[in-house]
Every structure is written in structure tokens, then in C-alpha cells.
Amino acid sequence: MKIRINSLLLSLAVAFGCLLTSCDNDDNGGVAEAVMGSTRSLEFPVSDAVPTMIAVVSDGFWQCEAPDWITVTPGSGGAGTTDVTIEVSDNTRDGAADLPRKAVLKFHGDQKRSFFEVTVRQEGDKFRDIKPSSIADMNAMEEETAVEFENLAVLAQTNNGFVGTDGTDLVYVTGEAAQARAGQIISMLGTKMDSDTRLPFVICDRLTDVRSGDVPSIPATDITADIDSYKSGTRTLIKATGIFDGSKLNIEGKTMSVTAEDCNTDIKLSDFTGHVLTLTGVYSGTASPVVRMIVTGLEDLGLNETIYFQSNFDIVWAFLADWKGSGDNAVKNLDAMGCDNDNVYLPNITTPKVSGVSALDALKNEGWIICGGGDLTGKGTGCNFQKFYLKMGSSNKQNSATLPKIEQLGDGATGIRLSFDWSPWRDKGPADMKPYDKTEIVVIVKNGASETQFPVSTPSLAAGEKLRWHNVDMELSGVTLNKDTRIEIRNIDSQFLPNGAVSGTFRWFLNNVKVYKPKD
């Protein structure tokens, strides 16, 4: 411990040495220009708290601002390193724990040119003096405020908590203590929090009363037609109708889809893949391209299609969520197709890594094989990625993408269709002089040594024409697919052989791959 503290103080001293040597020669009377400390937060129990020592490093005279319940010794000092003791008084009132309290100690020079803050928290009874609140009152409270509800009706029990109502508004309650079932009337104590979409929710500390009762009916707002623009600052009951693809509810002609942030324990959404559904639930914010919902109810309108496999390369997006990039190469800019921009950064799928894992590794883990550039071993040579899609090929290096094996195809299935979006890439240059690559691609169905090729129509694109996706939806006719079948999408033979190392530039984008069978 002594070695660690000494190392910390040495680091602070070195930092301050740099600050001192960079200061100008103006006479500041020895007043601190810079102040630093060894910690930024301290926590103490309600009573009998043991004083804590921190180190304060300064290049001149400093002092500390503190409330009455915190004693700082010494409360001021000079240049160098000073051991400072922080002590708190008991946080009690009338012999019992008072409300938790927090204060910020500010260490600074007389002129406050630089200061260092230490947040001090002391435990207490956060529910002392609490009074019941309505959900509307709770919505207006600061985050981490204690809250009490009485006679809250439970609309639905979810995997992570429950949805409640006071007859007017809705609240989403989570936490291990949130063990309430639909149809119950409960009273509870909890803590108001805000989600990452700035919508309030409550972490339940304990239920104080549970009984049966009547649950009021709350009408739901149908957002199907307006999903692309819908937003709400509170938890409202909404519903939407679309096709569920196994992870989200897609609505024809709309950019936004619906995803379940939490779900009624009586509903297993995965059982409804390929079905037309009306989902009802509590609005949980918008995070493009999805509207989040806490699903409370479901109406099954029947099977639309059987989806055996679907990928919008969200695994690459999950990778990008951890790999931020920076500047012009930031994740938010990685959308050549969406921005119609030839100069967008195109990271190789093998290069950026998060915790030692590349985007190619993430794709391999899902069963994808990305080959090319003279390599058929899946090294991904010449392949790049963007937010939700892949860019295939580079100069003299062409790529192929082979889908994972599809267990759901079983021992054999016919009448299967393949759908995907693609687009040739174009050269950089003036807006009206950007010729597209003469890319042609093909779909190959492989059953062991047997291969069947399905040609893909090539869009006619003029130089400088805006980048846009071109959908392909073909029946894989004349072949039977099974759990061992591999489906490959790549450049045609004349642009791919030998082994992808053909001379020329035949680049293209790939997204939204789906293997399915339509409803009869």
C-alpha cells in the first residue's frame, strides 16, 4: 500500500513539476495556480465514521471550502504535498439515521484559477420523511431521488420487473425486489433513475403492500404509421403492427423498427419469428434505427414467412459500439452508402480490434466465411466494413461472403428464397465523373461437391449517379437446401478467379441478407 501511495504522489509531483515549469513569471504572491488531489470521491457510514486521509498537491497557497458537517484538517496549505484528513459528523436526527447527504469539497487558491473537487457521500435513511408520490410527481424528480408509491396497479410482469400505473400515468419498475404480478395492487419504496434515453424508471427497494385488485384499462397509441417520427418524453402505452424477424418488428416502408427492451414473462417473442404481430407495450425511447418497447401484450396475426436466416451485420455494429474511432474516422461517419460519400473511412475487417477481437473474428463466430484476394481460408483480405454492412473487394482483390450453415433447414427444404441488398462501388472524383466499377456478382449454392450458380442482375448506373441499395430477391429453384448447405455470394468467375486474385477493381457492398420461405 505504501508503495502504491508513494507512486501516486510521485506521479502528481511530476505533473506539477511540468505545470510549474510552464508557468509565466508574473508574480502571483505564492497563490496556487494548480491544485490536485489523490482521490475524487469519499464515502462514509451513518455514524462512527473513521477519518480518511488524502494527499493534496499544489504549486502555492491553497484552501478548502467545506460544509459544517465535514471537517478538513488542515483547511489550507502551501506549495508541495500536504496530508489532509477528512472527517464527518454522525448523520443522525432524534437518535435515528437522517437522509443521505452529499457535498463537494473544493480545494483552490485565493484567486480560484485552479481547483480540485472531492465528492463526499454519507449514508443515511433515504426514505426518512418520505411521502407518497404520483407517477407524474416522480417523473419531475431529480435522478436518485427516493420515491414511494401507494396503490400502484400492475399491468404486466416482465423479465426484469413490472409495468405499473396509478390510473393516469405509467412507470417501469426494475430490480430484484420488483416481484409483482399482473393484476396486483402494490405499494413500494424505490429510487427514481433515468435511462440512457432520458426516460424515468424506478429501482424497487422493497414492496410494502401487495394485494389483489382491479387494474384500470389504459388505451394504447398506435404508432405504426408515424413510427419514423414518434417520440415521447414520458412512458406512454404504444402499439405497432409489422413483421417480426426474430429480433425486431419491421414495418413496411418505414425506416424505424421496434425492438423489445423487456418483455412480459408470458410472451416468448422468439416463437413468433416470421409472423405479422401487433405489439403493445410501454415506450422506452428512440435510438435510431429502433423504437424501444417494454412489451406487455401481443396479437399474432399469422405467419407471413418462415425466416431461416437473417443478418443486417448487426454483429459488426456491436463491434463498432466498442470501437469508437476518432475525428473523420469516428463510427458516426462510417456510412458511405447513407452519406453518398466516396471518401468515407473504410476500416479493414481484420484491423481495428476490441479486446483483441476484430470485426472478422466477430463474423467468424457467427459462422460467416469471408474469403478473397488470393486467399480461400477466410482471412478476409480486401474486405472492409461500415456501420451495418460490408464493402467487398479492393484493387486486384475480390471477396466472397459465405453464409453460416442454417440448422433450421433440417434434412431438406425446397422453395427457399434468398434476399439481400447490394451495390457496386464507384471511383473517387468530381461529382459528375465517378464511374462505377463494372462489378457482377453471383449466388452459389453448395451441397458438398455439387454447386449451382444463380446469376444476379446488375444495375445500370451512370457515372456520378448517387449511391443507393439494389435489392435482390431470388428463388433458389431446382436445389434442395439442408443444414449443411453453404450459400456463397461473390464476384462472377471472370472477376474472381484464380482464388479472388484477379486483376481489376470490382468492388461492391452487401447488406440485409435473408434466407426464407414465403407464406403459402
Protein backbone atom coordinates (compact mmCIF):
# COMPACT_ATOMS: atom_id res chain seq x y z
CA MET A 1 0.00 0.00 0.00
CA LYS A 2 2.82 2.41 0.90
CA ILE A 3 4.50 1.73 -2.44
CA ARG A 4 1.23 2.45 -4.32
CA ILE A 5 0.63 5.73 -2.45
CA ASN A 6 4.21 6.85 -2.96
CA SER A 7 3.91 6.08 -6.68
CA LEU A 8 0.72 8.15 -6.85
CA LEU A 9 2.33 11.09 -5.08
CA LEU A 10 5.37 10.85 -7.31
CA SER A 11 3.12 10.97 -10.39
CA LEU A 12 1.32 14.02 -9.02
CA ALA A 13 4.61 15.69 -8.19
CA VAL A 14 5.95 15.10 -11.70
CA ALA A 15 2.74 16.51 -13.19
CA PHE A 16 3.04 19.59 -11.03
CA GLY A 17 6.69 19.95 -11.93
CA CYS A 18 5.60 20.25 -15.54
CA LEU A 19 2.95 22.81 -14.59
CA LEU A 20 5.45 24.86 -12.61
CA THR A 21 7.99 24.96 -15.42
CA SER A 22 5.31 26.06 -17.88
CA CYS A 23 4.01 28.95 -15.74
CA ASP A 24 4.83 32.51 -16.71
CA ASN A 25 6.95 34.75 -14.50
CA ASP A 26 4.14 37.00 -13.28
CA ASP A 27 4.15 37.49 -9.52
CA ASN A 28 1.12 35.71 -8.09
CA GLY A 29 2.14 36.13 -4.48
CA GLY A 30 2.51 32.38 -3.91
CA VAL A 31 -1.17 31.72 -4.61
CA ALA A 32 -1.85 28.31 -6.18
CA GLU A 33 -2.21 28.23 -9.95
CA ALA A 34 -2.91 24.49 -9.89
CA VAL A 35 -4.25 22.11 -7.22
CA MET A 36 -4.64 18.32 -7.41
CA GLY A 37 -5.61 15.55 -5.03
CA SER A 38 -5.24 11.79 -4.66
CA THR A 39 -8.97 10.97 -4.88
CA ARG A 40 -12.17 12.44 -6.26
CA SER A 41 -14.73 10.70 -4.05
CA LEU A 42 -15.15 9.51 -0.46
CA GLU A 43 -17.95 7.56 1.25
CA PHE A 44 -18.74 7.35 4.97
CA PRO A 45 -21.24 5.36 7.10
CA VAL A 46 -24.08 6.98 9.06
CA SER A 47 -22.14 7.13 12.33
CA ASP A 48 -18.76 6.36 13.91
CA ALA A 49 -17.04 7.10 10.62
CA VAL A 50 -13.27 6.69 10.57
CA PRO A 51 -11.47 9.82 9.28
CA THR A 52 -9.85 9.44 5.86
CA MET A 53 -6.58 10.95 4.70
CA ILE A 54 -5.96 12.23 1.19
CA ALA A 55 -2.96 13.92 -0.40
CA VAL A 56 -3.27 17.46 -1.78
CA VAL A 57 -0.56 18.67 -4.16
CA SER A 58 -0.28 22.35 -5.04
CA ASP A 59 2.17 24.85 -6.52
CA GLY A 60 1.22 27.53 -3.99
CA PHE A 61 -1.12 28.52 -1.16
CA TRP A 62 -4.45 26.68 -1.19
CA GLN A 63 -7.60 26.46 0.93
CA CYS A 64 -10.68 24.26 1.10
CA GLU A 65 -14.41 25.04 1.08
CA ALA A 66 -16.48 22.56 3.13
CA PRO A 67 -19.95 22.40 4.76
CA ASP A 68 -20.40 22.32 8.54
CA TRP A 69 -20.75 18.52 8.75
CA ILE A 70 -17.33 17.92 7.18
CA THR A 71 -14.06 18.81 8.93
CA VAL A 72 -10.97 19.27 6.76
CA THR A 73 -7.65 19.29 8.63
CA PRO A 74 -5.69 21.32 7.72
CA GLY A 75 -8.13 23.55 5.86
CA SER A 76 -5.33 25.30 3.99
CA GLY A 77 -1.72 24.74 2.99
CA GLY A 78 1.17 25.77 0.83
CA ALA A 79 3.19 24.52 -2.10
CA GLY A 80 4.09 20.85 -2.20
CA THR A 81 2.28 17.78 -0.88
CA THR A 82 0.03 18.02 2.19
CA ASP A 83 -1.66 15.13 4.01
CA VAL A 84 -5.24 16.24 4.63
CA THR A 85 -7.71 14.47 6.95
CA ILE A 86 -11.41 14.38 6.04
CA GLU A 87 -13.81 13.75 8.93
CA VAL A 88 -17.62 13.74 9.04
CA SER A 89 -20.06 14.08 11.91
CA ASP A 90 -22.75 11.45 12.61
CA ASN A 91 -25.65 11.69 10.18
CA THR A 92 -28.47 11.22 12.72
CA ARG A 93 -31.56 13.07 13.87
CA ASP A 94 -33.55 12.24 17.00
CA GLY A 95 -31.46 9.12 17.50
CA ALA A 96 -32.09 7.68 14.04
CA ALA A 97 -30.38 7.88 10.67
CA ASP A 98 -31.13 11.07 8.75
CA LEU A 99 -31.39 11.42 4.99
CA PRO A 100 -28.25 10.57 2.99
CA ARG A 101 -26.15 13.61 2.26
CA LYS A 102 -23.58 14.67 -0.27
CA ALA A 103 -21.21 17.59 -0.57
CA VAL A 104 -18.38 18.67 -2.82
CA LEU A 105 -15.13 19.82 -1.23
CA LYS A 106 -13.33 22.41 -3.33
CA PHE A 107 -9.57 22.87 -2.93
CA HIS A 108 -8.31 26.06 -4.60
CA GLY A 109 -6.07 29.12 -4.38
CA ASP A 110 -7.36 32.55 -3.36
CA GLN A 111 -7.94 33.52 -6.97
CA LYS A 112 -9.62 30.20 -7.83
CA ARG A 113 -7.61 29.89 -11.04
CA SER A 114 -7.48 26.15 -10.48
CA PHE A 115 -9.44 23.91 -8.16
CA PHE A 116 -9.80 20.24 -7.31
CA GLU A 117 -13.12 18.74 -6.18
CA VAL A 118 -13.76 15.77 -3.91
CA THR A 119 -17.32 14.43 -3.67
CA VAL A 120 -18.19 13.26 -0.15
CA ARG A 121 -21.21 10.99 0.40
CA GLN A 122 -22.57 9.85 3.75
CA GLU A 123 -25.07 7.06 4.14
CA GLY A 124 -28.49 7.58 5.68
CA ASP A 125 -32.13 6.58 5.51
CA LYS A 126 -33.21 7.82 2.09
CA PHE A 127 -36.84 7.05 2.88
CA ARG A 128 -36.99 9.16 6.06
CA ASP A 129 -39.81 11.73 5.96
CA ILE A 130 -40.89 10.39 2.55
CA LYS A 131 -44.44 10.98 1.33
CA PRO A 132 -46.35 9.07 -1.36
CA SER A 133 -45.97 10.45 -4.89
CA SER A 134 -47.88 10.15 -8.12
CA ILE A 135 -46.07 8.89 -11.20
CA ALA A 136 -46.23 12.41 -12.64
CA ASP A 137 -44.52 13.73 -9.49
CA MET A 138 -41.84 11.06 -9.82
CA ASN A 139 -41.21 11.96 -13.47
CA ALA A 140 -40.30 15.51 -12.39
CA MET A 141 -37.89 14.43 -9.63
CA GLU A 142 -34.12 14.56 -9.84
CA GLU A 143 -32.31 11.31 -10.55
CA GLU A 144 -31.53 9.16 -7.46
CA THR A 145 -34.47 10.68 -5.52
CA ALA A 146 -36.27 8.31 -3.14
CA VAL A 147 -39.88 7.67 -4.10
CA GLU A 148 -42.92 5.99 -2.54
CA PHE A 149 -45.94 4.74 -4.45
CA GLU A 150 -49.25 3.66 -2.93
CA ASN A 151 -51.95 1.61 -4.68
CA LEU A 152 -49.98 1.07 -7.87
CA ALA A 153 -51.74 -1.33 -10.27
CA VAL A 154 -49.51 -3.83 -12.06
CA LEU A 155 -50.26 -4.07 -15.78
CA ALA A 156 -47.66 -6.71 -16.60
CA GLN A 157 -44.82 -8.64 -15.02
CA THR A 158 -41.69 -8.50 -17.18
CA ASN A 159 -38.41 -10.36 -17.23
CA ASN A 160 -36.69 -7.51 -15.39
CA GLY A 161 -39.51 -6.09 -13.26
CA PHE A 162 -43.02 -4.86 -13.94
CA VAL A 163 -45.09 -2.09 -15.50
CA GLY A 164 -47.38 -0.20 -13.13
CA THR A 165 -49.97 2.55 -13.34
CA ASP A 166 -51.70 4.91 -10.95
CA GLY A 167 -54.62 5.14 -13.35
CA THR A 168 -53.19 8.12 -15.21
CA ASP A 169 -49.53 7.51 -15.98
CA LEU A 170 -47.20 4.54 -16.40
CA VAL A 171 -43.99 3.58 -14.60
CA TYR A 172 -41.38 0.93 -15.38
CA VAL A 173 -40.05 -0.70 -12.20
CA THR A 174 -36.93 -2.89 -12.09
CA GLY A 175 -34.68 -4.52 -9.51
CA GLU A 176 -34.53 -7.79 -7.60
CA ALA A 177 -37.29 -6.61 -5.25
CA ALA A 178 -39.67 -5.85 -8.15
CA GLN A 179 -41.54 -9.13 -7.75
CA ALA A 180 -45.10 -8.15 -8.61
CA ARG A 181 -47.55 -9.92 -10.90
CA ALA A 182 -50.16 -8.61 -13.30
CA GLY A 183 -53.43 -7.87 -11.54
CA GLN A 184 -51.88 -6.98 -8.19
CA ILE A 185 -52.15 -3.67 -6.37
CA ILE A 186 -48.91 -2.79 -4.63
CA SER A 187 -47.26 -0.11 -2.53
CA MET A 188 -43.49 0.28 -2.73
CA LEU A 189 -40.35 2.24 -1.94
CA GLY A 190 -37.70 2.82 -4.57
CA THR A 191 -35.28 5.17 -6.27
CA LYS A 192 -36.06 7.25 -9.35
CA MET A 193 -33.49 6.88 -12.16
CA ASP A 194 -33.21 7.96 -15.79
CA SER A 195 -32.46 5.61 -18.68
CA ASP A 196 -29.92 6.26 -21.42
CA THR A 197 -32.83 7.66 -23.45
CA ARG A 198 -33.64 10.07 -20.58
CA LEU A 199 -36.88 8.35 -19.65
CA PRO A 200 -37.58 7.78 -15.93
CA PHE A 201 -37.79 4.39 -14.29
CA VAL A 202 -37.72 3.21 -10.67
CA ILE A 203 -35.45 0.69 -8.99
CA CYS A 204 -37.55 -1.08 -6.37
CA ASP A 205 -36.05 -1.29 -2.87
CA ARG A 206 -38.97 -3.12 -1.31
CA LEU A 207 -42.68 -3.79 -1.69
CA THR A 208 -44.61 -2.60 1.35
CA ASP A 209 -48.03 -3.98 0.43
CA VAL A 210 -49.30 -6.50 -2.12
CA ARG A 211 -52.94 -7.40 -2.70
CA SER A 212 -55.37 -8.27 -5.48
CA GLY A 213 -57.46 -5.61 -7.13
CA ASP A 214 -58.85 -4.09 -10.30
CA VAL A 215 -56.34 -2.87 -12.88
CA PRO A 216 -57.51 0.13 -14.93
CA SER A 217 -57.57 -0.09 -18.72
CA ILE A 218 -55.00 2.18 -20.39
CA PRO A 219 -55.54 2.93 -24.12
CA ALA A 220 -52.52 2.45 -26.40
CA THR A 221 -51.46 4.90 -29.11
CA ASP A 222 -50.94 3.20 -32.48
CA ILE A 223 -47.59 4.46 -33.83
CA THR A 224 -47.42 2.18 -36.89
CA ALA A 225 -47.96 4.97 -39.41
CA ASP A 226 -45.88 7.54 -37.52
CA ILE A 227 -43.05 5.37 -36.19
CA ASP A 228 -40.34 7.27 -38.08
CA SER A 229 -41.20 10.50 -36.26
CA TYR A 230 -42.72 9.28 -32.98
CA LYS A 231 -41.13 10.38 -29.71
CA SER A 232 -42.39 10.93 -26.17
CA GLY A 233 -40.85 12.43 -23.07
CA THR A 234 -42.72 10.03 -20.77
CA ARG A 235 -43.57 6.34 -20.55
CA THR A 236 -46.66 6.03 -22.75
CA LEU A 237 -48.53 2.92 -23.87
CA ILE A 238 -47.99 2.34 -27.61
CA LYS A 239 -48.63 -0.36 -30.18
CA ALA A 240 -47.32 -1.15 -33.65
CA THR A 241 -48.01 -3.74 -36.35
CA GLY A 242 -45.35 -5.30 -38.56
CA ILE A 243 -43.37 -8.44 -39.36
CA PHE A 244 -41.20 -9.83 -36.58
CA ASP A 245 -37.85 -11.08 -37.88
CA GLY A 246 -36.64 -12.68 -34.66
CA SER A 247 -35.10 -9.56 -33.18
CA LYS A 248 -37.25 -6.62 -34.19
CA LEU A 249 -40.64 -5.67 -35.61
CA ASN A 250 -40.22 -4.31 -39.15
CA ILE A 251 -42.87 -2.08 -40.70
CA GLU A 252 -43.14 -1.95 -44.48
CA GLY A 253 -41.99 1.37 -45.92
CA LYS A 254 -40.60 2.64 -42.62
CA THR A 255 -37.01 3.32 -41.59
CA MET A 256 -37.58 2.68 -37.90
CA SER A 257 -38.43 -0.68 -36.37
CA VAL A 258 -39.49 -1.80 -32.89
CA THR A 259 -37.24 -3.75 -30.55
CA ALA A 260 -38.12 -5.24 -27.16
CA GLU A 261 -36.09 -3.79 -24.28
CA ASP A 262 -38.01 -6.00 -21.86
CA CYS A 263 -40.96 -8.32 -22.28
CA ASN A 264 -43.98 -9.75 -20.48
CA THR A 265 -42.94 -13.01 -18.83
CA ASP A 266 -45.92 -14.71 -20.51
CA ILE A 267 -44.60 -13.89 -24.00
CA LYS A 268 -41.72 -15.64 -25.79
CA LEU A 269 -41.09 -13.45 -28.81
CA SER A 270 -38.72 -15.89 -30.49
CA ASP A 271 -41.69 -18.20 -31.09
CA PHE A 272 -43.17 -15.62 -33.48
CA THR A 273 -40.32 -15.15 -35.94
CA GLY A 274 -41.77 -14.51 -39.41
CA HIS A 275 -45.22 -13.63 -38.01
CA VAL A 276 -47.23 -10.48 -38.51
CA LEU A 277 -47.68 -9.11 -34.99
CA THR A 278 -49.25 -6.22 -33.19
CA LEU A 279 -47.03 -5.49 -30.21
CA THR A 280 -48.33 -3.41 -27.32
CA GLY A 281 -46.08 -2.00 -24.65
CA VAL A 282 -44.51 0.92 -22.88
CA TYR A 283 -42.43 3.37 -24.90
CA SER A 284 -38.82 3.17 -23.77
CA GLY A 285 -37.13 5.71 -26.02
CA THR A 286 -35.80 6.03 -29.52
CA ALA A 287 -32.27 5.03 -30.52
CA SER A 288 -32.16 5.13 -34.31
CA PRO A 289 -32.92 2.93 -36.14
CA VAL A 290 -35.21 1.45 -33.48
CA VAL A 291 -38.02 2.44 -31.14
CA ARG A 292 -37.60 0.60 -27.85
CA MET A 293 -40.61 -1.01 -26.23
CA ILE A 294 -41.27 -2.85 -22.99
CA VAL A 295 -43.64 -5.41 -24.47
CA THR A 296 -46.76 -6.04 -22.39
CA GLY A 297 -49.05 -7.63 -24.97
CA LEU A 298 -49.02 -9.38 -28.35
CA GLU A 299 -51.59 -10.13 -31.04
CA ASP A 300 -50.50 -12.78 -33.55
CA LEU A 301 -51.90 -12.03 -37.00
CA GLY A 302 -50.40 -15.13 -38.58
CA LEU A 303 -47.25 -16.35 -40.24
CA ASN A 304 -46.01 -14.15 -43.05
CA GLU A 305 -42.93 -16.15 -43.96
CA THR A 306 -40.58 -18.64 -42.43
CA ILE A 307 -37.23 -16.95 -41.91
CA TYR A 308 -34.37 -19.45 -41.71
CA PHE A 309 -31.57 -16.91 -41.54
CA GLN A 310 -31.30 -13.14 -41.43
CA SER A 311 -28.42 -10.73 -40.91
CA ASN A 312 -28.00 -7.00 -41.29
CA PHE A 313 -24.46 -7.43 -39.97
CA ASP A 314 -25.53 -6.06 -36.60
CA ILE A 315 -22.63 -8.06 -35.16
CA VAL A 316 -20.37 -5.52 -36.89
CA TRP A 317 -22.39 -2.71 -35.35
CA ALA A 318 -22.00 -4.31 -31.92
CA PHE A 319 -18.25 -4.37 -32.57
CA LEU A 320 -18.31 -0.70 -33.58
CA ALA A 321 -20.19 0.21 -30.40
CA ASP A 322 -16.98 -0.59 -28.51
CA TRP A 323 -14.55 0.64 -31.17
CA LYS A 324 -15.23 4.38 -31.35
CA GLY A 325 -12.62 5.66 -33.81
CA SER A 326 -11.99 9.40 -33.79
CA GLY A 327 -12.33 12.54 -35.90
CA ASP A 328 -13.30 11.88 -39.50
CA ASN A 329 -12.86 8.17 -38.77
CA ALA A 330 -15.42 8.18 -35.95
CA VAL A 331 -18.11 5.49 -36.04
CA LYS A 332 -20.85 8.03 -36.80
CA ASN A 333 -19.19 8.78 -40.15
CA LEU A 334 -18.81 5.17 -41.32
CA ASP A 335 -21.74 5.13 -43.76
CA ALA A 336 -20.55 5.54 -47.35
CA MET A 337 -23.89 4.42 -48.80
CA GLY A 338 -26.03 6.54 -46.49
CA CYS A 339 -23.86 9.64 -46.99
CA ASP A 340 -23.21 9.07 -50.72
CA ASN A 341 -19.56 9.75 -49.89
CA ASP A 342 -16.59 8.18 -51.67
CA ASN A 343 -14.13 9.47 -49.07
CA VAL A 344 -15.58 7.74 -46.00
CA TYR A 345 -13.08 5.78 -43.92
CA LEU A 346 -13.33 2.05 -44.72
CA PRO A 347 -11.68 0.04 -41.91
CA ASN A 348 -10.42 -3.41 -42.90
CA ILE A 349 -12.37 -6.10 -41.04
CA THR A 350 -9.10 -7.50 -39.69
CA THR A 351 -7.50 -4.28 -38.40
CA PRO A 352 -9.39 -2.47 -35.60
CA LYS A 353 -9.71 -4.72 -32.58
CA VAL A 354 -11.64 -4.51 -29.31
CA SER A 355 -10.18 -6.66 -26.53
CA GLY A 356 -8.17 -8.48 -29.17
CA VAL A 357 -11.23 -9.27 -31.31
CA SER A 358 -11.66 -7.91 -34.85
CA ALA A 359 -14.85 -7.49 -36.88
CA LEU A 360 -13.75 -10.54 -38.89
CA ASP A 361 -13.46 -12.56 -35.68
CA ALA A 362 -16.98 -11.49 -34.74
CA LEU A 363 -18.30 -12.62 -38.14
CA LYS A 364 -16.46 -15.94 -37.92
CA ASN A 365 -18.02 -16.55 -34.52
CA GLU A 366 -21.43 -16.35 -36.23
CA GLY A 367 -20.33 -18.84 -38.89
CA TRP A 368 -19.56 -16.45 -41.77
CA ILE A 369 -16.63 -17.15 -44.10
CA ILE A 370 -15.08 -14.10 -45.77
CA CYS A 371 -12.53 -15.07 -48.45
CA GLY A 372 -10.70 -13.43 -51.32
CA GLY A 373 -7.59 -11.67 -52.51
CA GLY A 374 -5.87 -14.94 -53.40
CA ASP A 375 -6.94 -16.50 -50.10
CA LEU A 376 -9.65 -19.11 -49.59
CA THR A 377 -9.03 -19.70 -45.88
CA GLY A 378 -11.31 -16.96 -44.57
CA LYS A 379 -8.71 -14.30 -43.75
CA GLY A 380 -10.96 -11.52 -45.07
CA THR A 381 -8.29 -9.93 -47.29
CA GLY A 382 -9.64 -6.85 -49.07
CA CYS A 383 -12.91 -6.70 -47.11
CA ASN A 384 -13.94 -3.56 -45.21
CA PHE A 385 -16.87 -2.64 -43.01
CA GLN A 386 -19.25 0.22 -42.38
CA LYS A 387 -21.96 0.71 -39.77
CA PHE A 388 -24.35 -2.04 -40.83
CA TYR A 389 -22.81 -3.56 -43.94
CA LEU A 390 -19.70 -4.88 -45.66
CA LYS A 391 -17.65 -3.47 -48.51
CA MET A 392 -16.32 -6.34 -50.60
CA GLY A 393 -13.10 -6.18 -52.60
CA SER A 394 -10.34 -3.70 -53.38
CA SER A 395 -7.91 -3.17 -56.25
CA ASN A 396 -6.93 -6.61 -57.63
CA LYS A 397 -8.52 -8.32 -54.62
CA GLN A 398 -12.05 -9.69 -54.79
CA ASN A 399 -14.11 -11.12 -51.94
CA SER A 400 -16.73 -13.75 -51.30
CA ALA A 401 -19.16 -13.98 -48.39
CA THR A 402 -20.41 -17.42 -47.38
CA LEU A 403 -23.39 -17.57 -45.05
CA PRO A 404 -23.28 -19.68 -41.89
CA LYS A 405 -24.77 -23.16 -42.02
CA ILE A 406 -28.50 -22.98 -41.29
CA GLU A 407 -29.61 -25.67 -38.84
CA GLN A 408 -33.29 -24.74 -39.28
CA LEU A 409 -33.23 -26.09 -42.85
CA GLY A 410 -33.06 -29.58 -41.35
CA ASP A 411 -32.67 -32.54 -43.70
CA GLY A 412 -34.02 -30.74 -46.73
CA ALA A 413 -36.18 -27.83 -47.87
CA THR A 414 -37.29 -26.55 -51.29
CA GLY A 415 -38.89 -23.34 -52.48
CA ILE A 416 -36.34 -21.36 -50.49
CA ARG A 417 -35.64 -17.74 -51.41
CA LEU A 418 -32.59 -15.55 -50.84
CA SER A 419 -32.87 -11.80 -50.41
CA PHE A 420 -30.09 -9.23 -49.98
CA ASP A 421 -29.16 -5.64 -50.77
CA TRP A 422 -26.06 -4.79 -52.78
CA SER A 423 -24.46 -2.03 -54.82
CA PRO A 424 -21.35 -1.64 -56.93
CA TRP A 425 -18.77 0.87 -55.64
CA ARG A 426 -17.52 3.81 -57.68
CA ASP A 427 -14.26 5.71 -58.17
CA LYS A 428 -13.45 8.95 -56.42
CA GLY A 429 -13.53 12.18 -58.41
CA PRO A 430 -15.77 15.13 -59.39
CA ALA A 431 -19.47 14.54 -58.79
CA ASP A 432 -20.31 14.06 -62.49
CA MET A 433 -17.24 11.93 -63.28
CA LYS A 434 -17.35 9.00 -60.86
CA PRO A 435 -17.68 5.81 -62.91
CA TYR A 436 -18.99 2.74 -61.14
CA ASP A 437 -16.97 -0.46 -61.06
CA LYS A 438 -18.19 -2.97 -63.64
CA THR A 439 -18.96 -5.38 -60.83
CA GLU A 440 -21.01 -8.51 -61.46
CA ILE A 441 -21.89 -10.96 -58.73
CA VAL A 442 -23.34 -14.44 -58.47
CA VAL A 443 -25.01 -16.63 -55.82
CA ILE A 444 -23.63 -20.16 -55.46
CA VAL A 445 -25.46 -22.92 -53.58
CA LYS A 446 -23.06 -25.64 -52.44
CA ASN A 447 -24.20 -29.10 -51.40
CA GLY A 448 -20.97 -30.98 -50.83
CA ALA A 449 -19.14 -31.13 -54.16
CA SER A 450 -22.26 -30.05 -56.07
CA GLU A 451 -22.52 -26.34 -56.92
CA THR A 452 -25.36 -24.43 -58.56
CA GLN A 453 -24.90 -20.82 -59.67
CA PHE A 454 -27.66 -18.23 -59.75
CA PRO A 455 -26.82 -15.05 -61.69
CA VAL A 456 -27.63 -11.69 -60.10
CA SER A 457 -28.94 -8.79 -62.17
CA THR A 458 -26.53 -5.85 -62.41
CA PRO A 459 -27.99 -2.34 -62.12
CA SER A 460 -27.24 0.14 -64.89
CA LEU A 461 -25.52 3.07 -63.22
CA ALA A 462 -24.30 6.25 -64.86
CA ALA A 463 -21.08 7.96 -63.76
CA GLY A 464 -21.74 10.23 -60.79
CA GLU A 465 -25.14 8.66 -60.04
CA LYS A 466 -25.98 8.63 -56.33
CA LEU A 467 -25.05 5.57 -54.33
CA ARG A 468 -28.10 3.51 -53.43
CA TRP A 469 -29.01 -0.04 -52.47
CA HIS A 470 -30.37 -2.53 -55.02
CA ASN A 471 -32.48 -5.36 -53.65
CA VAL A 472 -32.15 -8.91 -54.91
CA ASP A 473 -34.91 -11.42 -54.12
CA MET A 474 -34.50 -14.74 -55.90
CA GLU A 475 -35.85 -18.26 -55.61
CA LEU A 476 -33.12 -20.85 -55.25
CA SER A 477 -35.02 -23.09 -57.63
CA GLY A 478 -34.04 -26.60 -58.58
CA VAL A 479 -31.99 -27.24 -55.45
CA THR A 480 -32.72 -28.71 -52.05
CA LEU A 481 -31.14 -26.92 -49.13
CA ASN A 482 -30.32 -28.58 -45.82
CA LYS A 483 -28.49 -27.87 -42.59
CA ASP A 484 -25.10 -28.47 -44.28
CA THR A 485 -25.74 -26.35 -47.39
CA ARG A 486 -23.48 -23.32 -47.86
CA ILE A 487 -24.66 -20.23 -49.76
CA GLU A 488 -21.91 -18.04 -51.19
CA ILE A 489 -22.22 -14.53 -52.68
CA ARG A 490 -19.22 -13.35 -54.70
CA ASN A 491 -17.96 -11.84 -57.95
CA ILE A 492 -18.63 -13.87 -61.09
CA ASP A 493 -15.95 -16.35 -62.14
CA SER A 494 -14.19 -14.00 -64.58
CA GLN A 495 -13.83 -11.41 -61.81
CA PHE A 496 -12.90 -13.82 -59.06
CA LEU A 497 -10.50 -16.44 -60.42
CA PRO A 498 -7.95 -17.56 -59.57
CA ASN A 499 -8.92 -17.61 -55.93
CA GLY A 500 -10.05 -13.98 -55.93
CA ALA A 501 -6.72 -12.53 -57.08
CA VAL A 502 -7.94 -11.33 -60.48
CA SER A 503 -6.54 -8.09 -61.89
CA GLY A 504 -9.03 -5.21 -61.80
CA THR A 505 -11.32 -3.31 -59.48
CA PHE A 506 -14.73 -4.92 -58.96
CA ARG A 507 -15.89 -3.66 -55.57
CA TRP A 508 -19.36 -3.88 -54.03
CA PHE A 509 -21.41 -3.51 -50.85
CA LEU A 510 -23.52 -6.19 -49.14
CA ASN A 511 -26.28 -5.91 -46.53
CA ASN A 512 -29.60 -7.32 -45.26
CA VAL A 513 -29.12 -10.99 -46.14
CA LYS A 514 -32.16 -13.21 -45.59
CA VAL A 515 -32.97 -16.86 -46.35
CA TYR A 516 -36.70 -17.54 -46.13
CA LYS A 517 -39.77 -19.30 -47.48
CA PRO A 518 -42.89 -17.23 -48.26
CA LYS A 519 -46.23 -17.92 -46.71
CA ASP A 520 -48.39 -20.10 -48.95
